[in-house]
């Protein structure tokens, strides 16, 4: 997906720019902000958290090309950034949304993980609340 606006909202419901329709994604989960040529991910107090390269974020984090952002069962990869995390050297200021056409040169591109959709949990194990519920002991007979 290509975006030409300075802020992109990610969540489970309509009204977000990126909709990830799974129960472990909050209604309003996170947002990507392009500020001073840098792309920043912000968790919006989601229930299951937002992870960058397998680490839960607790404050805004600058995303660089090659980072993997984990939201629920989804992996988001960012391309179109330079080695410093900038959206192209000397990138023009963000433009208002366009009705069609290609994004400006150097504009960051956000897309799903390598398989084009949901992916496994972050390395090092899933975040809390993922997977099958714990087994319950049978009550004594």
Protein backbone atom coordinates (compact mmCIF):
# COMPACT_ATOMS: atom_id res chain seq x y z
CA UNK A 1 0.00 0.00 0.00
CA UNK A 2 1.28 3.45 -0.80
CA UNK A 3 0.38 6.48 1.28
CA UNK A 4 0.94 10.15 0.58
CA UNK A 5 -0.47 11.58 3.79
CA UNK A 6 1.51 12.30 6.96
CA UNK A 7 -0.46 9.97 9.25
CA UNK A 8 -1.85 6.46 8.70
CA UNK A 9 -4.13 4.75 11.24
CA UNK A 10 -4.09 0.97 11.72
CA UNK A 11 -6.86 -1.04 13.38
CA UNK A 12 -9.56 -3.66 13.13
CA UNK A 13 -12.55 -1.50 12.13
CA UNK A 14 -13.69 0.78 9.33
CA UNK A 15 -12.32 4.30 9.60
CA UNK A 16 -8.69 3.14 9.76
CA UNK A 17 -6.40 3.54 6.74
CA UNK A 18 -5.14 -0.03 7.17
CA UNK A 19 -7.76 -2.51 8.38
CA UNK A 20 -6.46 -5.75 9.92
CA UNK A 21 -9.61 -7.82 10.54
CA UNK A 22 -8.57 -10.12 13.39
CA UNK A 23 -9.69 -10.25 17.02
CA UNK A 24 -6.18 -9.67 18.37
CA UNK A 25 -6.00 -6.27 16.63
CA UNK A 26 -7.58 -3.39 18.56
CA UNK A 27 -10.24 -1.19 16.96
CA UNK A 28 -7.73 1.66 16.91
CA UNK A 29 -4.41 -0.14 17.35
CA UNK A 30 -1.54 2.04 16.11
CA UNK A 31 -0.62 4.90 13.83
CA UNK A 32 2.28 5.63 11.53
CA UNK A 33 3.40 9.26 11.45
CA UNK A 34 5.75 10.83 8.91
CA UNK A 35 7.54 13.65 10.72
CA UNK A 36 10.71 15.44 9.65
CA UNK A 37 11.30 12.77 6.99
CA UNK A 38 11.12 9.94 9.54
CA UNK A 39 8.45 7.29 9.90
CA UNK A 40 7.31 6.77 13.49
CA UNK A 41 5.03 4.00 14.85
CA UNK A 42 2.86 4.83 17.85
CA UNK A 43 0.85 2.25 19.79
CA UNK A 44 -2.60 3.61 20.68
CA UNK A 45 -2.87 1.75 24.00
CA UNK A 46 -3.85 -1.44 22.19
CA UNK A 47 -4.80 -4.51 24.19
CA UNK A 48 -2.15 -6.82 22.70
CA UNK A 49 0.52 -4.22 22.00
CA UNK A 50 2.59 -3.28 18.98
CA UNK A 51 5.99 -4.88 18.40
CA UNK A 52 8.97 -3.78 16.34
CA UNK A 53 11.39 -6.58 15.47
CA UNK A 54 9.87 -8.72 18.24
CA UNK A 55 10.07 -6.08 21.00
CA UNK A 56 6.96 -4.49 22.48
CA UNK A 57 7.02 -0.73 22.12
CA UNK A 58 6.06 1.50 25.04
CA UNK A 59 6.80 4.82 23.35
CA UNK A 60 6.89 6.08 19.74
CA UNK A 61 9.63 4.33 17.69
CA UNK A 62 11.31 5.47 14.47
CA UNK A 63 10.89 2.76 11.83
CA UNK A 64 13.71 2.04 9.41
CA UNK A 65 13.63 0.00 6.24
CA UNK A 66 13.92 -3.66 7.13
CA UNK A 67 12.14 -3.32 10.49
CA UNK A 68 9.15 -5.61 10.99
CA UNK A 69 6.13 -4.24 12.81
CA UNK A 70 3.93 -6.88 14.46
CA UNK A 71 0.29 -6.02 15.03
CA UNK A 72 -1.75 -9.01 16.13
CA UNK A 73 -1.05 -11.85 13.68
CA UNK A 74 0.11 -9.40 10.99
CA UNK A 75 3.60 -8.30 10.04
CA UNK A 76 3.99 -4.92 8.36
CA UNK A 77 7.14 -4.14 6.41
CA UNK A 78 8.15 -0.65 5.38
CA UNK A 79 9.97 0.05 2.13
CA UNK A 80 11.01 3.22 0.36
CA UNK A 81 13.12 4.48 3.28
CA UNK A 82 16.83 5.21 3.18
CA UNK A 83 19.39 3.66 5.55
CA UNK A 84 18.71 6.34 8.20
CA UNK A 85 14.96 5.77 8.24
CA UNK A 86 14.29 8.88 6.19
CA UNK A 87 11.61 8.95 3.53
CA UNK A 88 14.13 9.80 0.84
CA UNK A 89 16.86 12.39 1.14
CA UNK A 90 15.39 15.85 0.91
CA UNK A 91 11.90 14.42 0.67
CA UNK A 92 9.21 16.98 -0.05
CA UNK A 93 6.67 17.69 2.69
CA UNK A 94 3.78 15.21 2.84
CA UNK A 95 1.06 15.86 0.30
CA UNK A 96 -2.68 15.62 0.84
CA UNK A 97 -4.26 12.32 -0.22
CA UNK A 98 -4.49 11.89 -3.97
CA UNK A 99 -7.35 10.16 -5.73
CA UNK A 100 -5.05 8.05 -7.88
CA UNK A 101 -1.66 7.75 -9.48
CA UNK A 102 1.70 6.86 -8.05
CA UNK A 103 3.07 8.28 -4.80
CA UNK A 104 5.81 10.88 -5.01
CA UNK A 105 9.37 9.55 -5.42
CA UNK A 106 10.83 8.52 -2.06
CA UNK A 107 7.44 8.20 -0.35
CA UNK A 108 7.40 5.30 2.12
CA UNK A 109 5.40 2.21 1.20
CA UNK A 110 3.70 0.06 3.81
CA UNK A 111 2.85 -3.53 3.04
CA UNK A 112 2.16 -6.90 4.57
CA UNK A 113 4.85 -9.41 5.41
CA UNK A 114 6.58 -11.52 2.76
CA UNK A 115 3.65 -13.89 2.26
CA UNK A 116 1.20 -11.03 1.69
CA UNK A 117 -0.91 -11.53 4.79
CA UNK A 118 -0.98 -12.70 8.37
CA UNK A 119 2.22 -14.13 9.64
CA UNK A 120 3.45 -15.96 12.71
CA UNK A 121 4.17 -14.40 16.08
CA UNK A 122 7.25 -12.26 16.69
CA UNK A 123 10.58 -14.03 17.23
CA UNK A 124 11.12 -15.11 20.81
CA UNK A 125 7.57 -16.31 21.25
CA UNK A 126 4.18 -14.74 20.98
CA UNK A 127 3.16 -11.75 23.07
CA UNK A 128 0.89 -12.39 26.06
CA UNK A 129 -2.65 -13.39 25.16
CA UNK A 130 -1.74 -15.21 21.94
CA UNK A 131 -2.39 -18.83 21.12
CA UNK A 132 -4.63 -21.38 22.77
CA UNK A 133 -6.04 -20.71 26.23
CA UNK A 134 -4.28 -22.50 29.07
CA UNK A 135 -5.49 -26.01 29.83
CA UNK A 136 -7.85 -26.25 32.74
CA UNK A 137 -7.61 -29.12 35.22
CA UNK A 138 -10.60 -31.40 35.34
CA UNK A 139 -12.56 -30.93 38.57
CA UNK A 140 -12.12 -33.79 41.07
CA UNK A 141 -14.65 -36.60 40.59
